[in-house]
Amino acid sequence: MDTEAQPTERDRSSEPAQRGAEGRSRFALVSRIADWLPGGRITLTALVCLLFLLLLNTFVAQPFQIPSGSMEPGLRIGDRVLVNKVAYRFGAEPRRGDVVVFDGTGYFGDADYIKRVVGVGGDHVVCCDKEGRLRVNGRSVDETAFLHAGDRASSVPFDLVVPDGRLFVLGDHRSASSDSRDHLGSPGGGMIPVEDVIGRADWIVWPAGHFRRLERPEAYERVPGASDGAEASGPAAGAPVGALGGSAGAGGGHG
């Protein structure tokens, strides 16, 4: 007796019908939802688009309106920048020269701010050298490409080491910017925790005449790392040295 199992031909005649039934079922569900909503499919489409935009705004990119002149001339009052919220989400950290938006609660004020990173954790930041320029890890930084015309690197002298996990930030319009210089004596020493950075400003998207990508200045690309800098010693981390001489400027609002 032949006990070997005989191959049988699989009956596929019902598969297209099943797939068609599944497709009709999904289509029917969408139709029922659309029928339930006022406005039908138009309202459903609008809601889907709104949900997509909310997810995009929450996790990927967010527009930010410039509220003050503290970042002039590059960013003017009323400009809208697109903030890249995933720039530092997968292991990357802010770099010197980046323009970042951060939550200033507990450090600057209960609002979001936009400034330029001039020092990261471990950096020895000094102002000013003999030519009146900012010096980071022993390297003088030529900021003339983006500094507001007529401004000095700082009217307030400082000499400090940025603690690990913190950022020293300044506005490009130094005489009209309330930034890390104004908070050297405050808790945290005016240094922004990296974890409070919302994202990196990558594009000016409005008005159309100002549309451009925000590039990292070459001046900061030439700054050596903290362990490679020419100045091997400096003050204790986060400790300012020298006369602060009062406010750093007129204050830039939430800019």
Foldseek 3Di string as FASTA:
>chain_A
DDPDDDDDDDDCPCVVVVVVVVVVVVVVVLQVVQVVDVVRPVVVVVVVVVVVVVVCCVAAKNKDAQCFCLAPPLHDHGWIFIFGQCPPVPPDFDAAQFWFWFQCVPQQHRDIATFGFHAAALWWWWADPPVQAIAILARGFDPVVRADPPDGNFPFTKTAGAHHQWTFTGHSPQQAAQALLQRCVPVNRRTHGRVRTRGTGFWRPPDPVSTDGRDRDVRRVPHDDSPPGPDVDGDDHSHIDDGGPHGGHDHTPRD
